[in-house]
Protein backbone atom coordinates (compact mmCIF):
# COMPACT_ATOMS: atom_id res chain seq x y z
CA MET A 1 -58.14 8.31 -7.88
CA SER A 2 -61.72 9.15 -8.82
CA THR A 3 -62.61 9.53 -12.49
CA ILE A 4 -65.01 12.26 -13.60
CA LEU A 5 -66.76 12.24 -16.97
CA VAL A 6 -67.20 15.77 -18.38
CA VAL A 7 -69.83 15.96 -21.13
CA ASP A 8 -69.94 19.23 -23.08
CA ASP A 9 -69.94 20.08 -26.77
CA GLU A 10 -68.17 23.36 -25.98
CA TYR A 11 -64.62 22.06 -25.93
CA LEU A 12 -63.21 25.15 -24.22
CA ILE A 13 -65.52 24.62 -21.23
CA ALA A 14 -64.72 20.90 -21.15
CA ASP A 15 -61.00 21.70 -21.22
CA ILE A 16 -61.27 24.30 -18.46
CA LEU A 17 -63.26 21.89 -16.29
CA GLY A 18 -60.75 19.16 -17.06
CA PHE A 19 -57.77 21.28 -16.01
CA LEU A 20 -59.50 22.43 -12.81
CA LEU A 21 -60.51 18.91 -11.81
CA GLU A 22 -57.11 17.45 -12.65
CA ASP A 23 -55.53 20.13 -10.44
CA GLU A 24 -57.75 18.78 -7.65
CA GLY A 25 -56.32 15.29 -8.20
CA PHE A 26 -59.13 13.76 -10.24
CA GLU A 27 -58.78 11.83 -13.46
CA VAL A 28 -60.96 13.40 -16.18
CA LEU A 29 -62.51 11.89 -19.28
CA LYS A 30 -64.10 14.38 -21.72
CA VAL A 31 -66.68 13.71 -24.42
CA GLY A 32 -68.72 16.02 -26.65
CA ASN A 33 -72.29 14.71 -26.41
CA GLY A 34 -74.67 12.45 -24.52
CA GLU A 35 -74.33 9.47 -26.86
CA MET A 36 -70.56 9.54 -26.47
CA ALA A 37 -71.07 9.76 -22.71
CA LEU A 38 -73.16 6.57 -22.69
CA GLU A 39 -70.47 4.81 -24.73
CA ALA A 40 -67.79 5.99 -22.29
CA LEU A 41 -69.86 4.84 -19.30
CA ALA A 42 -70.22 1.39 -20.87
CA ARG A 43 -66.44 0.92 -21.01
CA THR A 44 -65.03 3.07 -18.19
CA ARG A 45 -65.81 3.21 -14.49
CA VAL A 46 -66.48 6.78 -13.42
CA GLU A 47 -67.53 8.18 -10.05
CA LEU A 48 -69.19 11.41 -11.24
CA VAL A 49 -70.68 12.91 -14.40
CA ILE A 50 -70.68 16.65 -15.09
CA THR A 51 -72.86 17.41 -18.10
CA ASP A 52 -74.03 20.40 -20.08
CA TYR A 53 -77.72 20.58 -20.98
CA MET A 54 -77.71 21.74 -24.61
CA MET A 55 -75.77 19.26 -26.76
CA PRO A 56 -76.30 17.52 -30.07
CA LYS A 57 -77.73 13.98 -30.22
CA LEU A 58 -78.70 13.67 -26.53
CA ASN A 59 -79.16 16.57 -24.13
CA GLY A 60 -78.07 16.55 -20.49
CA LYS A 61 -81.50 15.73 -19.08
CA ASP A 62 -82.00 12.83 -21.50
CA LEU A 63 -78.51 11.59 -20.66
CA ALA A 64 -79.36 11.66 -16.95
CA ILE A 65 -82.58 9.75 -17.60
CA LYS A 66 -80.65 7.06 -19.54
CA ILE A 67 -78.11 6.81 -16.71
CA ARG A 68 -80.89 6.41 -14.12
CA GLU A 69 -82.49 3.66 -16.24
CA ASN A 70 -79.30 1.56 -15.96
CA PRO A 71 -79.27 -0.32 -12.62
CA GLN A 72 -75.46 -0.31 -12.46
CA LEU A 73 -75.29 3.46 -13.03
CA GLN A 74 -78.28 4.57 -10.92
CA PRO A 75 -76.23 5.71 -7.90
CA LEU A 76 -73.82 7.72 -10.08
CA PRO A 77 -73.99 11.41 -9.09
CA ILE A 78 -74.64 13.81 -11.96
CA ILE A 79 -74.01 17.56 -11.96
CA LEU A 80 -75.81 19.65 -14.58
CA ILE A 81 -74.26 22.87 -15.88
CA SER A 82 -76.40 24.98 -18.18
CA GLY A 83 -76.75 28.44 -19.59
CA ALA A 84 -80.48 28.72 -20.14
CA GLN A 85 -81.95 25.37 -19.11
CA ALA A 86 -80.78 25.09 -15.49
CA HIS A 87 -84.45 25.06 -14.45
CA GLU A 88 -84.73 21.65 -16.15
CA GLY A 89 -82.28 20.34 -13.55
CA TRP A 90 -83.86 22.10 -10.59
CA ASP A 91 -87.21 20.61 -11.63
CA CYS A 92 -85.69 17.08 -11.53
CA PRO A 93 -83.79 16.65 -8.24
CA GLU A 94 -84.03 12.87 -8.65
CA LEU A 95 -81.73 13.16 -11.69
CA PHE A 96 -79.11 15.64 -10.54
CA ALA A 97 -76.97 15.92 -7.41
CA ALA A 98 -76.42 19.61 -8.20
CA VAL A 99 -77.23 22.21 -10.85
CA PHE A 100 -75.02 25.17 -11.81
CA ASP A 101 -75.82 28.08 -14.12
CA LYS A 102 -73.27 29.06 -16.75
CA PRO A 103 -71.13 30.93 -16.14
CA PHE A 104 -70.63 28.79 -13.05
CA ASP A 105 -68.83 29.67 -9.85
CA ILE A 106 -65.64 27.58 -10.07
CA PRO A 107 -64.92 27.35 -6.31
CA LYS A 108 -68.54 26.30 -5.62
CA LEU A 109 -68.42 23.66 -8.36
CA ILE A 110 -65.11 22.27 -7.07
CA ALA A 111 -66.51 22.27 -3.51
CA LYS A 112 -69.56 20.29 -4.67
CA VAL A 113 -67.39 17.78 -6.54
CA ASN A 114 -65.26 17.30 -3.43
CA GLN A 115 -68.38 16.93 -1.28
CA LEU A 116 -69.72 14.21 -3.58
CA LEU A 117 -66.45 12.32 -4.07
CA ARG A 118 -64.52 12.99 -0.87
CA PRO A 119 -67.04 12.82 1.96
CA PRO A 120 -65.66 13.87 5.34
CA THR A 121 -64.19 11.03 7.34
CA SER A 122 -65.43 10.47 10.84
CA SER A 123 -62.84 10.43 13.56
C-alpha cells in the first residue's frame, strides 16, 4: 500500500484529502506545515507528497526545494494545491508533478494520484 503525505495547515482540507485517498486504498499521513513534513519524511517512507503553498514555517515551494535537495527524496513526486499561488508551481515544473488550484477538482486530483502511483501495467 502506498503512503501519501498530505501537508496543509487547513485541517479540514487535510482531512477531506485524507478520507478521499484512504477510500482509494492509500495510507495517508497528515501534517500541518513544511517543517513537520520534513520531519515525517525523515522517519517514514512515502511515495507521494501533496502540499499546500501557504503554510506557516515553510511554504509548499520551499518544502519542494528542500525535498529536491535530498538525494534520497529527489524522485518523490510532489503535487501542489494552492488558492492564490498556483502560478508558483506552474513556474517550477522541476519541483512539482502537478499543480491544482483550490478549490480543486477532486476526480482530477484522484486521477493524477493514481497516474503517479499506479502506472498502467503492460500486458
